[in-house]
Amino acid sequence: MCSRFLIVLLFLVSHLVVGQITCSPQDSIAFDKKMAQLEAFQDVSDINWVTAIGKTFLDTPYVEKTLEIGTKESLVINLRGLDCTTYVENVLAFALLLKNQQDDFGDFAKNLKTIRYRNGVLDGYPSRLHYFTDWIRNNERKGLVRNVTNEMGGEIHQKAINFMGTHRSLYPFLEDDGNYAALLDVEKNLAQESLCVLPQNQIEDQEHLIQSGDIIALATSIKGLDVSHTGFAIKQNGRIHLLHASSAGSVRITEEPLVDYLKKIKSNIGIIVARPTLLSP
């Protein structure tokens, strides 16, 4: 019965979302369960939707490379296993459903596609926003987030962002010469952009400016890479912690405040902060 329902559902969704969708019957069930959880938020006027939705994913397993499926880029919907970026994307996609008073799987798929792909258009592997600073810029142009790092005293960094292009063998989709050439063009364009980073040693002084629900991207010293991890800020006992899909095993909240968590990461140079427009006045 579930599989039959999914087939009908995917047929309908295919008319709403450009490009192929990849998901399973289990994800359809997970979507329905999630929407049942979110119904409790609809009538709460002062709720922080981002953190409230984010916490409903607590203990969801961390799974790497959930989007690397098949030989052709598709809109992968996986609510059962998340990496740090897909966690952020799914939370925002559900938050947009609540904001727009929607409960349809097709609308969720459209939200996810809009968030995940350059200008909201799924046009092959290179159209996915692989680098998180590119993700922030593009979603800022869509009106979904606002980069507030500069307002917090962020400093400008110039850095070549070319990790994927220089580590082609790590990415199966880049075996295709067309994908590889297009990805190099993306990196060429990123080379013209600067990074604004709030240095690690200044975060504690500016912590009061960070809001629960802000997207926290961990800037890194790793050559060719802009961001090594991401999640949401969440205030607990007066301090900012990180709500994230942790490679240690699952979605969780850091035991220590963000400032102390970052000090344990040797390659971390600071953070980039993007505020979902859902949190804006």
C-alpha atoms as a PDB file:
ATOM      1  CA  MET A   1       0.000   0.000   0.000  1.00  0.00           C
ATOM      2  CA  CYS A   2       2.824   2.387   0.946  1.00  0.00           C
ATOM      3  CA  SER A   3       4.734   1.694  -2.275  1.00  0.00           C
ATOM      4  CA  ARG A   4       1.600   2.229  -4.341  1.00  0.00           C
ATOM      5  CA  PHE A   5       0.985   5.517  -2.566  1.00  0.00           C
ATOM      6  CA  LEU A   6       4.559   6.613  -3.246  1.00  0.00           C
ATOM      7  CA  ILE A   7       4.279   5.843  -6.964  1.00  0.00           C
ATOM      8  CA  VAL A   8       1.185   8.046  -7.216  1.00  0.00           C
ATOM      9  CA  LEU A   9       2.865  10.698  -5.108  1.00  0.00           C
ATOM     10  CA  LEU A  10       6.023  10.784  -7.202  1.00  0.00           C
ATOM     11  CA  PHE A  11       3.933  11.037 -10.353  1.00  0.00           C
ATOM     12  CA  LEU A  12       2.271  14.141  -8.975  1.00  0.00           C
ATOM     13  CA  VAL A  13       5.531  15.603  -7.721  1.00  0.00           C
ATOM     14  CA  SER A  14       7.199  15.122 -11.103  1.00  0.00           C
ATOM     15  CA  HIS A  15       4.806  17.707 -12.478  1.00  0.00           C
ATOM     16  CA  LEU A  16       5.784  20.159  -9.772  1.00  0.00           C
ATOM     17  CA  VAL A  17       9.561  19.761  -9.661  1.00  0.00           C
ATOM     18  CA  VAL A  18      11.863  19.984 -12.652  1.00  0.00           C
ATOM     19  CA  GLY A  19      14.159  16.997 -12.868  1.00  0.00           C
ATOM     20  CA  GLN A  20      14.189  13.502 -11.417  1.00  0.00           C
ATOM     21  CA  ILE A  21      13.358  12.858  -7.767  1.00  0.00           C
ATOM     22  CA  THR A  22      14.989  10.063  -5.812  1.00  0.00           C
ATOM     23  CA  CYS A  23      13.393   8.921  -2.561  1.00  0.00           C
ATOM     24  CA  SER A  24      12.020   5.784  -0.965  1.00  0.00           C
ATOM     25  CA  PRO A  25       8.729   4.683   0.596  1.00  0.00           C
ATOM     26  CA  GLN A  26      10.418   5.092   3.981  1.00  0.00           C
ATOM     27  CA  ASP A  27      11.036   8.766   3.219  1.00  0.00           C
ATOM     28  CA  SER A  28       7.384   9.258   2.329  1.00  0.00           C
ATOM     29  CA  ILE A  29       6.439   7.777   5.705  1.00  0.00           C
ATOM     30  CA  ALA A  30       9.094   9.912   7.425  1.00  0.00           C
ATOM     31  CA  PHE A  31       7.653  13.031   5.765  1.00  0.00           C
ATOM     32  CA  ASP A  32       4.149  12.260   7.059  1.00  0.00           C
ATOM     33  CA  LYS A  33       5.503  11.658  10.564  1.00  0.00           C
ATOM     34  CA  LYS A  34       7.455  14.898  10.451  1.00  0.00           C
ATOM     35  CA  MET A  35       4.413  16.880   9.364  1.00  0.00           C
ATOM     36  CA  ALA A  36       2.441  15.371  12.257  1.00  0.00           C
ATOM     37  CA  GLN A  37       5.155  16.612  14.621  1.00  0.00           C
ATOM     38  CA  LEU A  38       5.142  20.068  13.065  1.00  0.00           C
ATOM     39  CA  GLU A  39       1.395  20.519  13.427  1.00  0.00           C
ATOM     40  CA  ALA A  40       2.045  21.403  17.071  1.00  0.00           C
ATOM     41  CA  PHE A  41       4.048  24.456  15.948  1.00  0.00           C
ATOM     42  CA  GLN A  42       1.387  25.990  13.717  1.00  0.00           C
ATOM     43  CA  ASP A  43      -0.488  27.813  16.478  1.00  0.00           C
ATOM     44  CA  VAL A  44       2.542  28.980  18.494  1.00  0.00           C
ATOM     45  CA  SER A  45       3.114  32.608  17.516  1.00  0.00           C
ATOM     46  CA  ASP A  46       6.515  33.153  19.141  1.00  0.00           C
ATOM     47  CA  ILE A  47       8.167  29.839  18.259  1.00  0.00           C
ATOM     48  CA  ASN A  48      11.592  29.772  16.607  1.00  0.00           C
ATOM     49  CA  TRP A  49      10.654  27.482  13.735  1.00  0.00           C
ATOM     50  CA  VAL A  50      14.239  26.774  12.715  1.00  0.00           C
ATOM     51  CA  THR A  51      15.440  25.420  16.049  1.00  0.00           C
ATOM     52  CA  ALA A  52      12.098  23.775  16.851  1.00  0.00           C
ATOM     53  CA  ILE A  53      12.169  21.860  13.568  1.00  0.00           C
ATOM     54  CA  GLY A  54      15.880  21.209  13.914  1.00  0.00           C
ATOM     55  CA  LYS A  55      15.358  19.522  17.287  1.00  0.00           C
ATOM     56  CA  THR A  56      12.765  17.132  15.851  1.00  0.00           C
ATOM     57  CA  PHE A  57      15.679  15.542  13.950  1.00  0.00           C
ATOM     58  CA  LEU A  58      17.709  14.836  17.110  1.00  0.00           C
ATOM     59  CA  ASP A  59      19.297  11.360  17.012  1.00  0.00           C
ATOM     60  CA  THR A  60      18.735  11.001  13.258  1.00  0.00           C
ATOM     61  CA  PRO A  61      21.794   9.090  12.006  1.00  0.00           C
ATOM     62  CA  TYR A  62      24.646  10.905  10.309  1.00  0.00           C
ATOM     63  CA  VAL A  63      25.213   9.463   6.835  1.00  0.00           C
ATOM     64  CA  GLU A  64      27.826  10.661   4.348  1.00  0.00           C
ATOM     65  CA  LYS A  65      27.271  11.209   0.635  1.00  0.00           C
ATOM     66  CA  THR A  66      23.503  10.710   0.671  1.00  0.00           C
ATOM     67  CA  LEU A  67      23.210  12.799  -2.506  1.00  0.00           C
ATOM     68  CA  GLU A  68      25.702  10.765  -4.540  1.00  0.00           C
ATOM     69  CA  ILE A  69      23.185   8.350  -6.047  1.00  0.00           C
ATOM     70  CA  GLY A  70      23.120   6.914  -9.561  1.00  0.00           C
ATOM     71  CA  THR A  71      24.915   8.349 -12.570  1.00  0.00           C
ATOM     72  CA  LYS A  72      22.779  11.454 -13.083  1.00  0.00           C
ATOM     73  CA  GLU A  73      22.028  14.267 -10.655  1.00  0.00           C
ATOM     74  CA  SER A  74      18.567  14.005  -9.092  1.00  0.00           C
ATOM     75  CA  LEU A  75      16.706  15.671  -6.255  1.00  0.00           C
ATOM     76  CA  VAL A  76      17.488  13.249  -3.451  1.00  0.00           C
ATOM     77  CA  ILE A  77      15.060  13.314  -0.531  1.00  0.00           C
ATOM     78  CA  ASN A  78      16.409  11.383   2.442  1.00  0.00           C
ATOM     79  CA  LEU A  79      14.949  12.121   5.868  1.00  0.00           C
ATOM     80  CA  ARG A  80      16.395   9.010   7.515  1.00  0.00           C
ATOM     81  CA  GLY A  81      20.092   9.819   7.225  1.00  0.00           C
ATOM     82  CA  LEU A  82      21.651  13.282   7.025  1.00  0.00           C
ATOM     83  CA  ASP A  83      25.001  14.962   6.616  1.00  0.00           C
ATOM     84  CA  CYS A  84      25.612  18.468   7.934  1.00  0.00           C
ATOM     85  CA  THR A  85      24.467  20.259   4.783  1.00  0.00           C
ATOM     86  CA  THR A  86      21.417  18.132   3.991  1.00  0.00           C
ATOM     87  CA  TYR A  87      20.363  18.569   7.620  1.00  0.00           C
ATOM     88  CA  VAL A  88      20.372  22.361   7.227  1.00  0.00           C
ATOM     89  CA  GLU A  89      18.573  22.109   3.881  1.00  0.00           C
ATOM     90  CA  ASN A  90      15.808  19.820   5.136  1.00  0.00           C
ATOM     91  CA  VAL A  91      15.164  21.932   8.219  1.00  0.00           C
ATOM     92  CA  LEU A  92      14.816  25.069   6.092  1.00  0.00           C
ATOM     93  CA  ALA A  93      12.580  23.260   3.587  1.00  0.00           C
ATOM     94  CA  PHE A  94      10.195  22.258   6.386  1.00  0.00           C
ATOM     95  CA  ALA A  95      10.362  25.759   7.877  1.00  0.00           C
ATOM     96  CA  LEU A  96       9.255  27.198   4.533  1.00  0.00           C
ATOM     97  CA  LEU A  97       6.304  24.777   4.530  1.00  0.00           C
ATOM     98  CA  LEU A  98       5.183  26.143   7.887  1.00  0.00           C
ATOM     99  CA  LYS A  99       5.742  29.746   6.844  1.00  0.00           C
ATOM    100  CA  ASN A 100       3.634  29.236   3.725  1.00  0.00           C
ATOM    101  CA  GLN A 101       1.041  27.117   5.550  1.00  0.00           C
ATOM    102  CA  GLN A 102       1.646  24.120   3.307  1.00  0.00           C
ATOM    103  CA  ASP A 103       1.701  20.412   4.079  1.00  0.00           C
ATOM    104  CA  ASP A 104       2.199  18.835   0.664  1.00  0.00           C
ATOM    105  CA  PHE A 105       5.138  16.599  -0.268  1.00  0.00           C
ATOM    106  CA  GLY A 106       5.373  18.312  -3.642  1.00  0.00           C
ATOM    107  CA  ASP A 107       5.805  21.719  -2.008  1.00  0.00           C
ATOM    108  CA  PHE A 108       8.476  20.285   0.265  1.00  0.00           C
ATOM    109  CA  ALA A 109      10.317  18.914  -2.784  1.00  0.00           C
ATOM    110  CA  LYS A 110      10.124  22.310  -4.495  1.00  0.00           C
ATOM    111  CA  ASN A 111      11.490  24.014  -1.377  1.00  0.00           C
ATOM    112  CA  LEU A 112      14.378  21.583  -1.173  1.00  0.00           C
ATOM    113  CA  LYS A 113      15.226  22.021  -4.851  1.00  0.00           C
ATOM    114  CA  THR A 114      15.131  25.807  -4.496  1.00  0.00           C
ATOM    115  CA  ILE A 115      17.518  25.681  -1.548  1.00  0.00           C
ATOM    116  CA  ARG A 116      19.947  23.078  -2.872  1.00  0.00           C
ATOM    117  CA  TYR A 117      20.528  24.242  -6.453  1.00  0.00           C
ATOM    118  CA  ARG A 118      21.947  27.380  -8.042  1.00  0.00           C
ATOM    119  CA  ASN A 119      19.064  29.763  -8.661  1.00  0.00           C
ATOM    120  CA  GLY A 120      16.703  26.915  -7.747  1.00  0.00           C
ATOM    121  CA  VAL A 121      17.315  25.100 -11.037  1.00  0.00           C
ATOM    122  CA  LEU A 122      18.382  21.450 -11.103  1.00  0.00           C
ATOM    123  CA  ASP A 123      20.580  21.297 -14.187  1.00  0.00           C
ATOM    124  CA  GLY A 124      23.046  18.490 -13.573  1.00  0.00           C
ATOM    125  CA  TYR A 125      25.672  17.880 -10.921  1.00  0.00           C
ATOM    126  CA  PRO A 126      27.442  21.270 -11.232  1.00  0.00           C
ATOM    127  CA  SER A 127      24.171  23.103 -10.502  1.00  0.00           C
ATOM    128  CA  ARG A 128      24.214  21.786  -6.952  1.00  0.00           C
ATOM    129  CA  LEU A 129      25.658  24.335  -4.501  1.00  0.00           C
ATOM    130  CA  HIS A 130      28.605  22.193  -3.412  1.00  0.00           C
ATOM    131  CA  TYR A 131      30.616  24.896  -1.626  1.00  0.00           C
ATOM    132  CA  PHE A 132      28.803  26.301   1.379  1.00  0.00           C
ATOM    133  CA  THR A 133      29.870  29.916   0.850  1.00  0.00           C
ATOM    134  CA  ASP A 134      28.385  29.604  -2.646  1.00  0.00           C
ATOM    135  CA  TRP A 135      25.283  28.095  -1.006  1.00  0.00           C
ATOM    136  CA  ILE A 136      25.000  31.122   1.298  1.00  0.00           C
ATOM    137  CA  ARG A 137      25.469  33.688  -1.480  1.00  0.00           C
ATOM    138  CA  ASN A 138      22.962  32.041  -3.782  1.00  0.00           C
ATOM    139  CA  ASN A 139      20.349  31.574  -1.083  1.00  0.00           C
ATOM    140  CA  GLU A 140      20.869  35.180  -0.044  1.00  0.00           C
ATOM    141  CA  ARG A 141      20.022  36.221  -3.604  1.00  0.00           C
ATOM    142  CA  LYS A 142      16.890  34.062  -3.350  1.00  0.00           C
ATOM    143  CA  GLY A 143      15.900  35.954  -0.219  1.00  0.00           C
ATOM    144  CA  LEU A 144      16.124  32.890   2.027  1.00  0.00           C
ATOM    145  CA  VAL A 145      19.081  33.876   4.218  1.00  0.00           C
ATOM    146  CA  ARG A 146      21.146  36.952   5.046  1.00  0.00           C
ATOM    147  CA  ASN A 147      24.889  36.806   5.659  1.00  0.00           C
ATOM    148  CA  VAL A 148      25.403  38.747   8.899  1.00  0.00           C
ATOM    149  CA  THR A 149      29.089  37.908   9.424  1.00  0.00           C
ATOM    150  CA  ASN A 150      30.257  41.381   8.438  1.00  0.00           C
ATOM    151  CA  GLU A 151      27.875  42.963  10.957  1.00  0.00           C
ATOM    152  CA  MET A 152      29.535  40.893  13.682  1.00  0.00           C
ATOM    153  CA  GLY A 153      33.037  42.120  12.870  1.00  0.00           C
ATOM    154  CA  GLY A 154      33.978  39.564  10.242  1.00  0.00           C
ATOM    155  CA  GLU A 155      37.255  39.928   8.372  1.00  0.00           C
ATOM    156  CA  ILE A 156      37.834  39.544   4.638  1.00  0.00           C
ATOM    157  CA  HIS A 157      39.847  36.548   3.430  1.00  0.00           C
ATOM    158  CA  GLN A 158      41.080  35.842  -0.079  1.00  0.00           C
ATOM    159  CA  LYS A 159      41.378  32.160  -0.794  1.00  0.00           C
ATOM    160  CA  ALA A 160      41.225  29.892  -3.816  1.00  0.00           C
ATOM    161  CA  ILE A 161      38.204  27.600  -3.517  1.00  0.00           C
ATOM    162  CA  ASN A 162      39.088  24.620  -5.688  1.00  0.00           C
ATOM    163  CA  PHE A 163      39.129  21.522  -3.473  1.00  0.00           C
ATOM    164  CA  MET A 164      36.790  19.518  -5.703  1.00  0.00           C
ATOM    165  CA  GLY A 165      38.636  20.401  -8.862  1.00  0.00           C
ATOM    166  CA  THR A 166      41.975  19.438  -7.353  1.00  0.00           C
ATOM    167  CA  HIS A 167      40.596  16.229  -5.786  1.00  0.00           C
ATOM    168  CA  ARG A 168      38.607  14.940  -8.737  1.00  0.00           C
ATOM    169  CA  SER A 169      39.002  11.285  -7.779  1.00  0.00           C
ATOM    170  CA  LEU A 170      37.025  11.806  -4.566  1.00  0.00           C
ATOM    171  CA  TYR A 171      33.838  12.683  -6.456  1.00  0.00           C
ATOM    172  CA  PRO A 172      32.347   9.949  -8.689  1.00  0.00           C
ATOM    173  CA  PHE A 173      30.215  12.418 -10.654  1.00  0.00           C
ATOM    174  CA  LEU A 174      33.399  14.221 -11.719  1.00  0.00           C
ATOM    175  CA  GLU A 175      34.494  11.181 -13.701  1.00  0.00           C
ATOM    176  CA  ASP A 176      32.272  12.704 -16.377  1.00  0.00           C
ATOM    177  CA  ASP A 177      34.375  15.236 -18.316  1.00  0.00           C
ATOM    178  CA  GLY A 178      31.388  17.511 -18.845  1.00  0.00           C
ATOM    179  CA  ASN A 179      30.649  17.674 -15.125  1.00  0.00           C
ATOM    180  CA  TYR A 180      34.312  18.270 -14.375  1.00  0.00           C
ATOM    181  CA  ALA A 181      34.650  21.122 -16.873  1.00  0.00           C
ATOM    182  CA  ALA A 182      31.474  22.790 -15.580  1.00  0.00           C
ATOM    183  CA  LEU A 183      32.665  22.427 -11.982  1.00  0.00           C
ATOM    184  CA  LEU A 184      35.965  24.113 -12.896  1.00  0.00           C
ATOM    185  CA  ASP A 185      33.951  27.032 -14.280  1.00  0.00           C
ATOM    186  CA  VAL A 186      32.072  27.254 -10.980  1.00  0.00           C
ATOM    187  CA  GLU A 187      35.378  27.341  -9.098  1.00  0.00           C
ATOM    188  CA  LYS A 188      36.726  29.979 -11.476  1.00  0.00           C
ATOM    189  CA  ASN A 189      33.786  32.207 -10.622  1.00  0.00           C
ATOM    190  CA  LEU A 190      34.223  31.538  -6.899  1.00  0.00           C
ATOM    191  CA  ALA A 191      37.840  32.723  -7.197  1.00  0.00           C
ATOM    192  CA  GLN A 192      36.473  36.213  -7.784  1.00  0.00           C
ATOM    193  CA  GLU A 193      34.627  36.186  -4.462  1.00  0.00           C
ATOM    194  CA  SER A 194      36.093  37.016  -1.059  1.00  0.00           C
ATOM    195  CA  LEU A 195      35.218  35.320   2.224  1.00  0.00           C
ATOM    196  CA  CYS A 196      34.069  37.227   5.284  1.00  0.00           C
ATOM    197  CA  VAL A 197      34.927  35.239   8.409  1.00  0.00           C
ATOM    198  CA  LEU A 198      34.469  36.026  12.101  1.00  0.00           C
ATOM    199  CA  PRO A 199      37.829  34.864  13.511  1.00  0.00           C
ATOM    200  CA  GLN A 200      37.740  32.158  16.138  1.00  0.00           C
ATOM    201  CA  ASN A 201      39.373  34.394  18.764  1.00  0.00           C
ATOM    202  CA  GLN A 202      36.635  37.019  18.366  1.00  0.00           C
ATOM    203  CA  ILE A 203      33.565  34.786  18.510  1.00  0.00           C
ATOM    204  CA  GLU A 204      33.150  34.881  22.285  1.00  0.00           C
ATOM    205  CA  ASP A 205      33.057  38.708  22.306  1.00  0.00           C
ATOM    206  CA  GLN A 206      30.426  38.710  19.547  1.00  0.00           C
ATOM    207  CA  GLU A 207      28.432  35.721  20.805  1.00  0.00           C
ATOM    208  CA  HIS A 208      25.618  37.967  22.011  1.00  0.00           C
ATOM    209  CA  LEU A 209      24.927  38.926  18.380  1.00  0.00           C
ATOM    210  CA  ILE A 210      24.322  35.321  17.319  1.00  0.00           C
ATOM    211  CA  GLN A 211      20.683  34.225  17.417  1.00  0.00           C
ATOM    212  CA  SER A 212      19.213  30.776  17.895  1.00  0.00           C
ATOM    213  CA  GLY A 213      18.444  29.492  14.414  1.00  0.00           C
ATOM    214  CA  ASP A 214      21.345  31.255  12.713  1.00  0.00           C
ATOM    215  CA  ILE A 215      23.244  29.007  10.314  1.00  0.00           C
ATOM    216  CA  ILE A 216      26.822  28.569  11.514  1.00  0.00           C
ATOM    217  CA  ALA A 217      29.382  27.581   8.872  1.00  0.00           C
ATOM    218  CA  LEU A 218      32.812  26.538  10.121  1.00  0.00           C
ATOM    219  CA  ALA A 219      35.481  28.244   8.012  1.00  0.00           C
ATOM    220  CA  THR A 220      38.576  26.133   7.517  1.00  0.00           C
ATOM    221  CA  SER A 221      42.276  26.446   6.786  1.00  0.00           C
ATOM    222  CA  ILE A 222      42.165  23.311   4.601  1.00  0.00           C
ATOM    223  CA  LYS A 223      43.624  24.224   1.212  1.00  0.00           C
ATOM    224  CA  GLY A 224      40.995  24.794  -1.461  1.00  0.00           C
ATOM    225  CA  LEU A 225      38.044  24.466   0.929  1.00  0.00           C
ATOM    226  CA  ASP A 226      35.873  27.228   2.358  1.00  0.00           C
ATOM    227  CA  VAL A 227      33.757  25.460   4.986  1.00  0.00           C
ATOM    228  CA  SER A 228      34.273  22.118   6.716  1.00  0.00           C
ATOM    229  CA  HIS A 229      30.998  21.808   8.641  1.00  0.00           C
ATOM    230  CA  THR A 230      27.714  23.573   9.301  1.00  0.00           C
ATOM    231  CA  GLY A 231      24.723  23.566  11.639  1.00  0.00           C
ATOM    232  CA  PHE A 232      22.436  25.886  13.593  1.00  0.00           C
ATOM    233  CA  ALA A 233      23.123  28.110  16.556  1.00  0.00           C
ATOM    234  CA  ILE A 234      21.002  27.276  19.590  1.00  0.00           C
ATOM    235  CA  LYS A 235      21.078  29.098  22.919  1.00  0.00           C
ATOM    236  CA  GLN A 236      21.237  26.980  26.068  1.00  0.00           C
ATOM    237  CA  ASN A 237      21.883  28.314  29.577  1.00  0.00           C
ATOM    238  CA  GLY A 238      22.766  31.696  28.154  1.00  0.00           C
ATOM    239  CA  ARG A 239      25.424  30.374  25.731  1.00  0.00           C
ATOM    240  CA  ILE A 240      25.403  29.549  22.028  1.00  0.00           C
ATOM    241  CA  HIS A 241      25.818  25.855  21.206  1.00  0.00           C
ATOM    242  CA  LEU A 242      25.751  24.070  17.836  1.00  0.00           C
ATOM    243  CA  LEU A 243      22.758  21.994  16.722  1.00  0.00           C
ATOM    244  CA  HIS A 244      24.153  19.867  13.906  1.00  0.00           C
ATOM    245  CA  ALA A 245      24.393  16.540  12.115  1.00  0.00           C
ATOM    246  CA  SER A 246      27.611  15.374  13.714  1.00  0.00           C
ATOM    247  CA  SER A 247      30.017  12.981  12.004  1.00  0.00           C
ATOM    248  CA  ALA A 248      30.310  11.418  15.465  1.00  0.00           C
ATOM    249  CA  GLY A 249      27.049   9.652  14.710  1.00  0.00           C
ATOM    250  CA  SER A 250      23.811  11.649  14.658  1.00  0.00           C
ATOM    251  CA  VAL A 251      22.014  14.978  14.905  1.00  0.00           C
ATOM    252  CA  ARG A 252      22.862  16.419  18.298  1.00  0.00           C
ATOM    253  CA  ILE A 253      23.620  19.561  20.293  1.00  0.00           C
ATOM    254  CA  THR A 254      27.201  20.150  21.342  1.00  0.00           C
ATOM    255  CA  GLU A 255      27.750  19.624  25.057  1.00  0.00           C
ATOM    256  CA  GLU A 256      30.096  22.600  25.218  1.00  0.00           C
ATOM    257  CA  PRO A 257      29.362  26.118  23.923  1.00  0.00           C
ATOM    258  CA  LEU A 258      30.249  26.807  20.289  1.00  0.00           C
ATOM    259  CA  VAL A 259      33.366  28.763  21.272  1.00  0.00           C
ATOM    260  CA  ASP A 260      34.836  25.799  23.155  1.00  0.00           C
ATOM    261  CA  TYR A 261      33.720  23.292  20.511  1.00  0.00           C
ATOM    262  CA  LEU A 262      35.607  25.190  17.816  1.00  0.00           C
ATOM    263  CA  LYS A 263      38.831  25.302  19.810  1.00  0.00           C
ATOM    264  CA  LYS A 264      39.077  21.519  19.470  1.00  0.00           C
ATOM    265  CA  ILE A 265      39.097  21.723  15.658  1.00  0.00           C
ATOM    266  CA  LYS A 266      42.678  22.390  14.523  1.00  0.00           C
ATOM    267  CA  SER A 267      41.716  23.525  11.022  1.00  0.00           C
ATOM    268  CA  ASN A 268      39.014  25.955  12.149  1.00  0.00           C
ATOM    269  CA  ILE A 269      39.739  29.640  11.588  1.00  0.00           C
ATOM    270  CA  GLY A 270      36.341  31.019  12.564  1.00  0.00           C
ATOM    271  CA  ILE A 271      32.714  31.067  11.455  1.00  0.00           C
ATOM    272  CA  ILE A 272      30.420  32.484   8.812  1.00  0.00           C
ATOM    273  CA  VAL A 273      26.921  33.326  10.050  1.00  0.00           C
ATOM    274  CA  ALA A 274      23.844  33.324   7.810  1.00  0.00           C
ATOM    275  CA  ARG A 275      20.467  34.239   9.257  1.00  0.00           C
ATOM    276  CA  PRO A 276      17.382  32.585   7.731  1.00  0.00           C
ATOM    277  CA  THR A 277      14.885  35.258   6.723  1.00  0.00           C
ATOM    278  CA  LEU A 278      12.337  33.359   8.826  1.00  0.00           C
ATOM    279  CA  LEU A 279      14.183  34.825  11.813  1.00  0.00           C
ATOM    280  CA  SER A 280      14.310  38.371  10.534  1.00  0.00           C
ATOM    281  CA  PRO A 281      11.998  41.007  12.034  1.00  0.00           C
END
